[in-house]
Amino acid sequence: SVKEGEPAVFKCSVRHTCPSHQPTLTWSHSGKIIMSYKDIGHGNWEAESLLTFTPTKVDDHGSITCTVKYHGNAK
């Protein structure tokens, strides 16, 4: 759970095998987003997105969704 007025961080990550076509990760909420990609070995890669924002009363009982879009438009 998160508290109103205190910064909250959400993490979304996915593994993939095609470094030349990185997946895109998008959030259903606005905020500061930091993307990173790393080689985790054996032909596997990880794409990670961190979303940081300060919840307000409007966010009460809301949900946060991370959507991953792969090469070829698969979600």
C-alpha atoms as a PDB file:
ATOM      1  CA  SER A   1       0.000   0.000   0.000  1.00  0.00           C
ATOM      2  CA  VAL A   2       1.056   3.593  -0.485  1.00  0.00           C
ATOM      3  CA  LYS A   3       0.326   6.731   1.512  1.00  0.00           C
ATOM      4  CA  GLU A   4      -1.007  10.010   0.223  1.00  0.00           C
ATOM      5  CA  GLY A   5       1.741  12.634  -0.017  1.00  0.00           C
ATOM      6  CA  GLU A   6       4.619  10.122   0.188  1.00  0.00           C
ATOM      7  CA  PRO A   7       6.540   9.198  -2.975  1.00  0.00           C
ATOM      8  CA  ALA A   8       5.729   5.710  -4.265  1.00  0.00           C
ATOM      9  CA  VAL A   9       7.825   3.561  -6.609  1.00  0.00           C
ATOM     10  CA  PHE A  10       6.396   0.850  -8.876  1.00  0.00           C
ATOM     11  CA  LYS A  11       8.509  -1.631 -10.826  1.00  0.00           C
ATOM     12  CA  CYS A  12       7.605  -3.524 -13.972  1.00  0.00           C
ATOM     13  CA  SER A  13      10.036  -5.880 -15.693  1.00  0.00           C
ATOM     14  CA  VAL A  14      10.002  -8.454 -18.450  1.00  0.00           C
ATOM     15  CA  ARG A  15      12.523 -10.871 -19.913  1.00  0.00           C
ATOM     16  CA  HIS A  16      13.032 -11.215 -23.645  1.00  0.00           C
ATOM     17  CA  THR A  17      15.471 -12.689 -26.156  1.00  0.00           C
ATOM     18  CA  CYS A  18      15.785 -10.048 -28.881  1.00  0.00           C
ATOM     19  CA  PRO A  19      18.134  -7.177 -27.902  1.00  0.00           C
ATOM     20  CA  SER A  20      17.733  -5.489 -31.301  1.00  0.00           C
ATOM     21  CA  HIS A  21      13.966  -5.095 -30.723  1.00  0.00           C
ATOM     22  CA  GLN A  22      13.492  -4.017 -27.109  1.00  0.00           C
ATOM     23  CA  PRO A  23       9.941  -4.218 -25.733  1.00  0.00           C
ATOM     24  CA  THR A  24       8.298  -0.974 -24.606  1.00  0.00           C
ATOM     25  CA  LEU A  25       6.777  -0.693 -21.139  1.00  0.00           C
ATOM     26  CA  THR A  26       4.079   1.912 -20.525  1.00  0.00           C
ATOM     27  CA  TRP A  27       2.197   2.892 -17.380  1.00  0.00           C
ATOM     28  CA  SER A  28      -1.443   3.806 -16.797  1.00  0.00           C
ATOM     29  CA  HIS A  29      -0.338   6.637 -14.464  1.00  0.00           C
ATOM     30  CA  SER A  30       1.938   9.601 -15.080  1.00  0.00           C
ATOM     31  CA  GLY A  31       5.114  10.254 -13.136  1.00  0.00           C
ATOM     32  CA  LYS A  32       8.884  10.001 -13.410  1.00  0.00           C
ATOM     33  CA  ILE A  33       9.835   6.925 -15.446  1.00  0.00           C
ATOM     34  CA  ILE A  34      13.276   5.336 -15.593  1.00  0.00           C
ATOM     35  CA  MET A  35      13.879   2.582 -18.159  1.00  0.00           C
ATOM     36  CA  SER A  36      16.778   0.156 -18.120  1.00  0.00           C
ATOM     37  CA  TYR A  37      17.835  -2.820 -20.216  1.00  0.00           C
ATOM     38  CA  LYS A  38      20.349  -5.443 -19.162  1.00  0.00           C
ATOM     39  CA  ASP A  39      21.887  -8.632 -20.475  1.00  0.00           C
ATOM     40  CA  ILE A  40      21.118 -11.367 -17.931  1.00  0.00           C
ATOM     41  CA  GLY A  41      23.062 -14.040 -19.829  1.00  0.00           C
ATOM     42  CA  HIS A  42      22.386 -17.095 -21.967  1.00  0.00           C
ATOM     43  CA  GLY A  43      20.711 -14.991 -24.688  1.00  0.00           C
ATOM     44  CA  ASN A  44      18.221 -13.439 -22.274  1.00  0.00           C
ATOM     45  CA  TRP A  45      17.633  -9.751 -21.619  1.00  0.00           C
ATOM     46  CA  GLU A  46      15.562  -7.863 -19.067  1.00  0.00           C
ATOM     47  CA  ALA A  47      13.698  -4.606 -19.669  1.00  0.00           C
ATOM     48  CA  GLU A  48      12.721  -2.758 -16.498  1.00  0.00           C
ATOM     49  CA  SER A  49      10.642   0.358 -15.892  1.00  0.00           C
ATOM     50  CA  LEU A  50      10.414   2.248 -12.612  1.00  0.00           C
ATOM     51  CA  LEU A  51       7.511   4.653 -12.086  1.00  0.00           C
ATOM     52  CA  THR A  52       7.754   7.198  -9.273  1.00  0.00           C
ATOM     53  CA  PHE A  53       4.965   9.578  -8.267  1.00  0.00           C
ATOM     54  CA  THR A  54       3.414  11.068  -5.152  1.00  0.00           C
ATOM     55  CA  PRO A  55      -0.140   9.756  -4.626  1.00  0.00           C
ATOM     56  CA  THR A  56      -2.939  12.220  -3.984  1.00  0.00           C
ATOM     57  CA  LYS A  57      -6.554  11.820  -2.871  1.00  0.00           C
ATOM     58  CA  VAL A  58      -7.518  11.265  -6.543  1.00  0.00           C
ATOM     59  CA  ASP A  59      -5.454   8.048  -6.527  1.00  0.00           C
ATOM     60  CA  ASP A  60      -7.397   6.530  -3.609  1.00  0.00           C
ATOM     61  CA  HIS A  61      -8.479   2.959  -4.428  1.00  0.00           C
ATOM     62  CA  GLY A  62      -7.021   3.308  -7.922  1.00  0.00           C
ATOM     63  CA  SER A  63      -4.903   0.787  -9.763  1.00  0.00           C
ATOM     64  CA  ILE A  64      -1.642   1.003 -11.682  1.00  0.00           C
ATOM     65  CA  THR A  65      -1.137  -1.001 -14.864  1.00  0.00           C
ATOM     66  CA  CYS A  66       2.071  -1.699 -16.751  1.00  0.00           C
ATOM     67  CA  THR A  67       1.630  -2.750 -20.385  1.00  0.00           C
ATOM     68  CA  VAL A  68       4.421  -4.462 -22.309  1.00  0.00           C
ATOM     69  CA  LYS A  69       4.480  -4.161 -26.088  1.00  0.00           C
ATOM     70  CA  TYR A  70       6.810  -6.501 -27.963  1.00  0.00           C
ATOM     71  CA  HIS A  71       8.154  -6.259 -31.510  1.00  0.00           C
ATOM     72  CA  GLY A  72       5.282  -7.106 -33.838  1.00  0.00           C
ATOM     73  CA  ASN A  73       2.758  -5.295 -31.586  1.00  0.00           C
ATOM     74  CA  ALA A  74       2.130  -8.263 -29.258  1.00  0.00           C
ATOM     75  CA  LYS A  75       1.013  -7.018 -25.801  1.00  0.00           C
END
